[in-house]
Amino acid sequence: MSTPPKSESPIRTPNELIEADGFVFGFPTRYGMMAAQFKVFLDATGGLRRTQSLAGKPAGSSTALALKVVAKKPLRKFP
């Protein structure tokens, strides 16, 4: 993508996944979707999946979603 990289964050390429023992991806969601940059990264791993270079490596992912709820009336207390 054309966004400038952040200097404190390392840039990883899909080919570096071959050297890893396993990997876990975690990212926040925006409107229920992962970031477009991460989608591009996953799309770039197509060659690795085709050659099964990542077969047998443990992998996981996590997402986070924050909801802001504003109540206009106080909640009713039940006896």
PDB file of N, CA and C in Angstrom:
ATOM      1  N   MET A   1       0.850  -1.170   0.000  1.00  0.00           N
ATOM      2  CA  MET A   1       0.000   0.000   0.000  1.00  0.00           C
ATOM      3  C   MET A   1       0.895   1.231   0.000  1.00  0.00           C
ATOM      4  N   SER A   2       0.322   2.366  -0.187  1.00  0.00           N
ATOM      5  CA  SER A   2       1.128   3.580  -0.308  1.00  0.00           C
ATOM      6  C   SER A   2       1.242   4.369   0.985  1.00  0.00           C
ATOM      7  N   THR A   3       0.927   3.779   2.111  1.00  0.00           N
ATOM      8  CA  THR A   3       1.077   4.488   3.374  1.00  0.00           C
ATOM      9  C   THR A   3       2.539   4.449   3.805  1.00  0.00           C
ATOM     10  N   PRO A   4       3.034   5.528   4.407  1.00  0.00           N
ATOM     11  CA  PRO A   4       4.436   5.519   4.827  1.00  0.00           C
ATOM     12  C   PRO A   4       4.647   4.588   6.021  1.00  0.00           C
ATOM     13  N   PRO A   5       5.774   3.858   6.064  1.00  0.00           N
ATOM     14  CA  PRO A   5       6.033   2.963   7.192  1.00  0.00           C
ATOM     15  C   PRO A   5       6.338   3.746   8.457  1.00  0.00           C
ATOM     16  N   LYS A   6       6.013   3.171   9.591  1.00  0.00           N
ATOM     17  CA  LYS A   6       6.366   3.773  10.872  1.00  0.00           C
ATOM     18  C   LYS A   6       7.784   3.355  11.202  1.00  0.00           C
ATOM     19  N   SER A   7       8.596   4.280  11.625  1.00  0.00           N
ATOM     20  CA  SER A   7      10.015   4.001  11.819  1.00  0.00           C
ATOM     21  C   SER A   7      10.279   3.000  12.929  1.00  0.00           C
ATOM     22  N   GLU A   8       9.450   2.952  13.969  1.00  0.00           N
ATOM     23  CA  GLU A   8       9.708   2.052  15.086  1.00  0.00           C
ATOM     24  C   GLU A   8       9.186   0.628  14.833  1.00  0.00           C
ATOM     25  N   SER A   9       8.445   0.415  13.781  1.00  0.00           N
ATOM     26  CA  SER A   9       7.882  -0.903  13.490  1.00  0.00           C
ATOM     27  C   SER A   9       8.712  -1.607  12.425  1.00  0.00           C
ATOM     28  N   PRO A  10       9.144  -2.842  12.704  1.00  0.00           N
ATOM     29  CA  PRO A  10       9.893  -3.568  11.665  1.00  0.00           C
ATOM     30  C   PRO A  10       8.975  -3.960  10.517  1.00  0.00           C
ATOM     31  N   ILE A  11       9.511  -3.954   9.333  1.00  0.00           N
ATOM     32  CA  ILE A  11       8.767  -4.353   8.143  1.00  0.00           C
ATOM     33  C   ILE A  11       9.095  -5.813   7.860  1.00  0.00           C
ATOM     34  N   ARG A  12       8.094  -6.647   7.793  1.00  0.00           N
ATOM     35  CA  ARG A  12       8.275  -8.068   7.519  1.00  0.00           C
ATOM     36  C   ARG A  12       7.744  -8.381   6.133  1.00  0.00           C
ATOM     37  N   THR A  13       8.371  -9.337   5.497  1.00  0.00           N
ATOM     38  CA  THR A  13       7.923  -9.775   4.186  1.00  0.00           C
ATOM     39  C   THR A  13       7.351 -11.183   4.314  1.00  0.00           C
ATOM     40  N   PRO A  14       6.485 -11.586   3.410  1.00  0.00           N
ATOM     41  CA  PRO A  14       5.930 -12.932   3.488  1.00  0.00           C
ATOM     42  C   PRO A  14       6.991 -14.034   3.455  1.00  0.00           C
ATOM     43  N   ASN A  15       8.091 -13.827   2.756  1.00  0.00           N
ATOM     44  CA  ASN A  15       9.124 -14.856   2.685  1.00  0.00           C
ATOM     45  C   ASN A  15       9.791 -15.105   4.037  1.00  0.00           C
ATOM     46  N   GLU A  16       9.722 -14.160   4.961  1.00  0.00           N
ATOM     47  CA  GLU A  16      10.285 -14.366   6.291  1.00  0.00           C
ATOM     48  C   GLU A  16       9.467 -15.356   7.112  1.00  0.00           C
ATOM     49  N   LEU A  17       8.243 -15.641   6.699  1.00  0.00           N
ATOM     50  CA  LEU A  17       7.427 -16.623   7.405  1.00  0.00           C
ATOM     51  C   LEU A  17       8.016 -18.028   7.280  1.00  0.00           C
ATOM     52  N   ILE A  18       8.763 -18.280   6.227  1.00  0.00           N
ATOM     53  CA  ILE A  18       9.373 -19.594   6.023  1.00  0.00           C
ATOM     54  C   ILE A  18      10.365 -19.894   7.148  1.00  0.00           C
ATOM     55  N   GLU A  19      11.092 -18.886   7.605  1.00  0.00           N
ATOM     56  CA  GLU A  19      12.115 -19.065   8.636  1.00  0.00           C
ATOM     57  C   GLU A  19      11.530 -19.204  10.039  1.00  0.00           C
ATOM     58  N   ALA A  20      10.285 -18.819  10.237  1.00  0.00           N
ATOM     59  CA  ALA A  20       9.671 -18.834  11.563  1.00  0.00           C
ATOM     60  C   ALA A  20       9.261 -20.248  11.964  1.00  0.00           C
ATOM     61  N   ASP A  21       9.304 -20.521  13.271  1.00  0.00           N
ATOM     62  CA  ASP A  21       8.830 -21.803  13.796  1.00  0.00           C
ATOM     63  C   ASP A  21       7.302 -21.842  13.828  1.00  0.00           C
ATOM     64  N   GLY A  22       6.687 -20.701  13.949  1.00  0.00           N
ATOM     65  CA  GLY A  22       5.238 -20.547  13.978  1.00  0.00           C
ATOM     66  C   GLY A  22       4.952 -19.058  14.039  1.00  0.00           C
ATOM     67  N   PHE A  23       3.706 -18.682  13.988  1.00  0.00           N
ATOM     68  CA  PHE A  23       3.393 -17.258  14.026  1.00  0.00           C
ATOM     69  C   PHE A  23       1.989 -17.026  14.559  1.00  0.00           C
ATOM     70  N   VAL A  24       1.825 -15.866  15.165  1.00  0.00           N
ATOM     71  CA  VAL A  24       0.535 -15.408  15.670  1.00  0.00           C
ATOM     72  C   VAL A  24       0.348 -13.983  15.181  1.00  0.00           C
ATOM     73  N   PHE A  25      -0.784 -13.721  14.578  1.00  0.00           N
ATOM     74  CA  PHE A  25      -1.107 -12.380  14.107  1.00  0.00           C
ATOM     75  C   PHE A  25      -2.196 -11.809  14.996  1.00  0.00           C
ATOM     76  N   GLY A  26      -2.027 -10.587  15.410  1.00  0.00           N
ATOM     77  CA  GLY A  26      -3.042  -9.899  16.187  1.00  0.00           C
ATOM     78  C   GLY A  26      -3.240  -8.502  15.618  1.00  0.00           C
ATOM     79  N   PHE A  27      -4.471  -8.097  15.485  1.00  0.00           N
ATOM     80  CA  PHE A  27      -4.742  -6.779  14.925  1.00  0.00           C
ATOM     81  C   PHE A  27      -6.125  -6.308  15.354  1.00  0.00           C
ATOM     82  N   PRO A  28      -6.278  -5.005  15.461  1.00  0.00           N
ATOM     83  CA  PRO A  28      -7.606  -4.466  15.744  1.00  0.00           C
ATOM     84  C   PRO A  28      -8.448  -4.514  14.475  1.00  0.00           C
ATOM     85  N   THR A  29      -9.743  -4.471  14.647  1.00  0.00           N
ATOM     86  CA  THR A  29     -10.619  -4.447  13.478  1.00  0.00           C
ATOM     87  C   THR A  29     -11.258  -3.075  13.350  1.00  0.00           C
ATOM     88  N   ARG A  30     -11.595  -2.740  12.164  1.00  0.00           N
ATOM     89  CA  ARG A  30     -12.299  -1.489  11.892  1.00  0.00           C
ATOM     90  C   ARG A  30     -13.551  -1.864  11.130  1.00  0.00           C
ATOM     91  N   TYR A  31     -14.695  -1.622  11.714  1.00  0.00           N
ATOM     92  CA  TYR A  31     -15.975  -1.998  11.119  1.00  0.00           C
ATOM     93  C   TYR A  31     -16.031  -3.503  10.839  1.00  0.00           C
ATOM     94  N   GLY A  32     -15.420  -4.295  11.730  1.00  0.00           N
ATOM     95  CA  GLY A  32     -15.469  -5.740  11.604  1.00  0.00           C
ATOM     96  C   GLY A  32     -14.501  -6.341  10.611  1.00  0.00           C
ATOM     97  N   MET A  33     -13.608  -5.554  10.051  1.00  0.00           N
ATOM     98  CA  MET A  33     -12.656  -6.052   9.057  1.00  0.00           C
ATOM     99  C   MET A  33     -11.227  -5.764   9.502  1.00  0.00           C
ATOM    100  N   MET A  34     -10.300  -6.606   9.065  1.00  0.00           N
ATOM    101  CA  MET A  34      -8.886  -6.338   9.330  1.00  0.00           C
ATOM    102  C   MET A  34      -8.401  -5.215   8.419  1.00  0.00           C
ATOM    103  N   ALA A  35      -7.253  -4.671   8.752  1.00  0.00           N
ATOM    104  CA  ALA A  35      -6.702  -3.556   7.975  1.00  0.00           C
ATOM    105  C   ALA A  35      -6.373  -4.004   6.551  1.00  0.00           C
ATOM    106  N   ALA A  36      -6.508  -3.096   5.617  1.00  0.00           N
ATOM    107  CA  ALA A  36      -6.228  -3.395   4.213  1.00  0.00           C
ATOM    108  C   ALA A  36      -4.771  -3.802   4.014  1.00  0.00           C
ATOM    109  N   GLN A  37      -3.857  -3.215   4.785  1.00  0.00           N
ATOM    110  CA  GLN A  37      -2.443  -3.562   4.664  1.00  0.00           C
ATOM    111  C   GLN A  37      -2.218  -5.032   5.014  1.00  0.00           C
ATOM    112  N   PHE A  38      -2.959  -5.535   6.018  1.00  0.00           N
ATOM    113  CA  PHE A  38      -2.795  -6.936   6.388  1.00  0.00           C
ATOM    114  C   PHE A  38      -3.399  -7.858   5.332  1.00  0.00           C
ATOM    115  N   LYS A  39      -4.480  -7.426   4.718  1.00  0.00           N
ATOM    116  CA  LYS A  39      -5.053  -8.213   3.626  1.00  0.00           C
ATOM    117  C   LYS A  39      -4.064  -8.330   2.471  1.00  0.00           C
ATOM    118  N   VAL A  40      -3.362  -7.242   2.172  1.00  0.00           N
ATOM    119  CA  VAL A  40      -2.357  -7.261   1.110  1.00  0.00           C
ATOM    120  C   VAL A  40      -1.238  -8.223   1.485  1.00  0.00           C
ATOM    121  N   PHE A  41      -0.817  -8.207   2.767  1.00  0.00           N
ATOM    122  CA  PHE A  41       0.228  -9.115   3.226  1.00  0.00           C
ATOM    123  C   PHE A  41      -0.215 -10.570   3.052  1.00  0.00           C
ATOM    124  N   LEU A  42      -1.441 -10.886   3.464  1.00  0.00           N
ATOM    125  CA  LEU A  42      -1.929 -12.256   3.309  1.00  0.00           C
ATOM    126  C   LEU A  42      -2.024 -12.658   1.840  1.00  0.00           C
ATOM    127  N   ASP A  43      -2.450 -11.739   0.992  1.00  0.00           N
ATOM    128  CA  ASP A  43      -2.515 -12.033  -0.442  1.00  0.00           C
ATOM    129  C   ASP A  43      -1.124 -12.337  -1.001  1.00  0.00           C
ATOM    130  N   ALA A  44      -0.100 -11.706  -0.442  1.00  0.00           N
ATOM    131  CA  ALA A  44       1.269 -11.914  -0.918  1.00  0.00           C
ATOM    132  C   ALA A  44       1.819 -13.279  -0.512  1.00  0.00           C
ATOM    133  N   THR A  45       1.145 -13.985   0.389  1.00  0.00           N
ATOM    134  CA  THR A  45       1.610 -15.313   0.789  1.00  0.00           C
ATOM    135  C   THR A  45       1.053 -16.416  -0.103  1.00  0.00           C
ATOM    136  N   GLY A  46       0.397 -16.066  -1.169  1.00  0.00           N
ATOM    137  CA  GLY A  46      -0.195 -17.065  -2.066  1.00  0.00           C
ATOM    138  C   GLY A  46       0.824 -18.052  -2.612  1.00  0.00           C
ATOM    139  N   GLY A  47       1.998 -17.582  -2.975  1.00  0.00           N
ATOM    140  CA  GLY A  47       3.047 -18.471  -3.482  1.00  0.00           C
ATOM    141  C   GLY A  47       3.523 -19.449  -2.424  1.00  0.00           C
ATOM    142  N   LEU A  48       3.587 -18.989  -1.164  1.00  0.00           N
ATOM    143  CA  LEU A  48       4.004 -19.871  -0.073  1.00  0.00           C
ATOM    144  C   LEU A  48       2.968 -20.956   0.178  1.00  0.00           C
ATOM    145  N   ARG A  49       1.713 -20.583   0.073  1.00  0.00           N
ATOM    146  CA  ARG A  49       0.655 -21.571   0.272  1.00  0.00           C
ATOM    147  C   ARG A  49       0.629 -22.577  -0.879  1.00  0.00           C
ATOM    148  N   ARG A  50       0.875 -22.088  -2.092  1.00  0.00           N
ATOM    149  CA  ARG A  50       0.850 -22.957  -3.269  1.00  0.00           C
ATOM    150  C   ARG A  50       1.948 -24.016  -3.190  1.00  0.00           C
ATOM    151  N   THR A  51       3.139 -23.622  -2.704  1.00  0.00           N
ATOM    152  CA  THR A  51       4.251 -24.569  -2.578  1.00  0.00           C
ATOM    153  C   THR A  51       4.252 -25.280  -1.234  1.00  0.00           C
ATOM    154  N   GLN A  52       3.276 -24.982  -0.375  1.00  0.00           N
ATOM    155  CA  GLN A  52       3.126 -25.555   0.958  1.00  0.00           C
ATOM    156  C   GLN A  52       4.371 -25.337   1.819  1.00  0.00           C
ATOM    157  N   SER A  53       4.998 -24.159   1.675  1.00  0.00           N
ATOM    158  CA  SER A  53       6.172 -23.809   2.469  1.00  0.00           C
ATOM    159  C   SER A  53       5.833 -23.584   3.935  1.00  0.00           C
ATOM    160  N   LEU A  54       4.562 -23.338   4.236  1.00  0.00           N
ATOM    161  CA  LEU A  54       4.153 -23.080   5.619  1.00  0.00           C
ATOM    162  C   LEU A  54       3.473 -24.289   6.254  1.00  0.00           C
ATOM    163  N   ALA A  55       3.462 -25.420   5.571  1.00  0.00           N
ATOM    164  CA  ALA A  55       2.779 -26.613   6.077  1.00  0.00           C
ATOM    165  C   ALA A  55       3.431 -27.088   7.370  1.00  0.00           C
ATOM    166  N   GLY A  56       2.613 -27.416   8.360  1.00  0.00           N
ATOM    167  CA  GLY A  56       3.103 -27.940   9.628  1.00  0.00           C
ATOM    168  C   GLY A  56       3.512 -26.893  10.642  1.00  0.00           C
ATOM    169  N   LYS A  57       3.421 -25.628  10.308  1.00  0.00           N
ATOM    170  CA  LYS A  57       3.793 -24.564  11.253  1.00  0.00           C
ATOM    171  C   LYS A  57       2.553 -24.135  12.034  1.00  0.00           C
ATOM    172  N   PRO A  58       2.667 -24.078  13.369  1.00  0.00           N
ATOM    173  CA  PRO A  58       1.509 -23.610  14.136  1.00  0.00           C
ATOM    174  C   PRO A  58       1.252 -22.132  13.879  1.00  0.00           C
ATOM    175  N   ALA A  59      -0.003 -21.759  13.815  1.00  0.00           N
ATOM    176  CA  ALA A  59      -0.368 -20.376  13.547  1.00  0.00           C
ATOM    177  C   ALA A  59      -1.637 -20.034  14.323  1.00  0.00           C
ATOM    178  N   GLY A  60      -1.792 -18.763  14.603  1.00  0.00           N
ATOM    179  CA  GLY A  60      -2.985 -18.290  15.290  1.00  0.00           C
ATOM    180  C   GLY A  60      -3.221 -16.834  14.983  1.00  0.00           C
ATOM    181  N   SER A  61      -4.389 -16.365  15.348  1.00  0.00           N
ATOM    182  CA  SER A  61      -4.698 -14.954  15.152  1.00  0.00           C
ATOM    183  C   SER A  61      -5.675 -14.503  16.222  1.00  0.00           C
ATOM    184  N   SER A  62      -5.667 -13.221  16.467  1.00  0.00           N
ATOM    185  CA  SER A  62      -6.626 -12.633  17.395  1.00  0.00           C
ATOM    186  C   SER A  62      -7.040 -11.274  16.860  1.00  0.00           C
ATOM    187  N   THR A  63      -8.245 -10.891  17.178  1.00  0.00           N
ATOM    188  CA  THR A  63      -8.741  -9.583  16.782  1.00  0.00           C
ATOM    189  C   THR A  63      -9.322  -8.894  18.006  1.00  0.00           C
ATOM    190  N   ALA A  64      -9.402  -7.606  17.931  1.00  0.00           N
ATOM    191  CA  ALA A  64      -9.981  -6.823  19.018  1.00  0.00           C
ATOM    192  C   ALA A  64     -10.990  -5.865  18.418  1.00  0.00           C
ATOM    193  N   LEU A  65     -12.070  -5.706  19.117  1.00  0.00           N
ATOM    194  CA  LEU A  65     -13.121  -4.805  18.666  1.00  0.00           C
ATOM    195  C   LEU A  65     -13.560  -3.974  19.851  1.00  0.00           C
ATOM    196  N   ALA A  66     -13.583  -2.687  19.701  1.00  0.00           N
ATOM    197  CA  ALA A  66     -14.038  -1.793  20.766  1.00  0.00           C
ATOM    198  C   ALA A  66     -15.359  -1.167  20.346  1.00  0.00           C
ATOM    199  N   LEU A  67     -16.288  -1.194  21.244  1.00  0.00           N
ATOM    200  CA  LEU A  67     -17.589  -0.581  20.988  1.00  0.00           C
ATOM    201  C   LEU A  67     -17.808   0.549  21.982  1.00  0.00           C
ATOM    202  N   LYS A  68     -18.285   1.643  21.498  1.00  0.00           N
ATOM    203  CA  LYS A  68     -18.617   2.758  22.370  1.00  0.00           C
ATOM    204  C   LYS A  68     -20.134   2.805  22.483  1.00  0.00           C
ATOM    205  N   VAL A  69     -20.620   2.598  23.681  1.00  0.00           N
ATOM    206  CA  VAL A  69     -22.061   2.597  23.917  1.00  0.00           C
ATOM    207  C   VAL A  69     -22.407   3.827  24.738  1.00  0.00           C
ATOM    208  N   VAL A  70     -23.327   4.600  24.240  1.00  0.00           N
ATOM    209  CA  VAL A  70     -23.771   5.800  24.946  1.00  0.00           C
ATOM    210  C   VAL A  70     -25.248   5.608  25.285  1.00  0.00           C
ATOM    211  N   ALA A  71     -25.533   5.599  26.573  1.00  0.00           N
ATOM    212  CA  ALA A  71     -26.920   5.440  27.012  1.00  0.00           C
ATOM    213  C   ALA A  71     -27.553   6.819  27.182  1.00  0.00           C
ATOM    214  N   LYS A  72     -28.707   7.024  26.583  1.00  0.00           N
ATOM    215  CA  LYS A  72     -29.386   8.310  26.707  1.00  0.00           C
ATOM    216  C   LYS A  72     -30.182   8.379  27.995  1.00  0.00           C
ATOM    217  N   LYS A  73     -30.632   7.237  28.470  1.00  0.00           N
ATOM    218  CA  LYS A  73     -31.362   7.178  29.732  1.00  0.00           C
ATOM    219  C   LYS A  73     -30.584   6.277  30.683  1.00  0.00           C
ATOM    220  N   PRO A  74     -30.693   6.522  31.976  1.00  0.00           N
ATOM    221  CA  PRO A  74     -30.048   5.603  32.903  1.00  0.00           C
ATOM    222  C   PRO A  74     -30.708   4.220  32.822  1.00  0.00           C
ATOM    223  N   LEU A  75     -29.924   3.195  33.052  1.00  0.00           N
ATOM    224  CA  LEU A  75     -30.462   1.850  33.008  1.00  0.00           C
ATOM    225  C   LEU A  75     -31.453   1.650  34.154  1.00  0.00           C
ATOM    226  N   ARG A  76     -32.516   0.941  33.875  1.00  0.00           N
ATOM    227  CA  ARG A  76     -33.545   0.677  34.882  1.00  0.00           C
ATOM    228  C   ARG A  76     -33.066  -0.430  35.808  1.00  0.00           C
ATOM    229  N   LYS A  77     -33.210  -0.217  37.090  1.00  0.00           N
ATOM    230  CA  LYS A  77     -32.825  -1.228  38.068  1.00  0.00           C
ATOM    231  C   LYS A  77     -34.024  -2.113  38.358  1.00  0.00           C
ATOM    232  N   PHE A  78     -33.771  -3.389  38.373  1.00  0.00           N
ATOM    233  CA  PHE A  78     -34.802  -4.366  38.669  1.00  0.00           C
ATOM    234  C   PHE A  78     -34.697  -4.755  40.144  1.00  0.00           C
ATOM    235  N   PRO A  79     -35.851  -4.998  40.779  1.00  0.00           N
ATOM    236  CA  PRO A  79     -35.812  -5.358  42.213  1.00  0.00           C
ATOM    237  C   PRO A  79     -35.164  -6.692  42.462  1.00  0.00           C
TER     238      PRO A  79
END
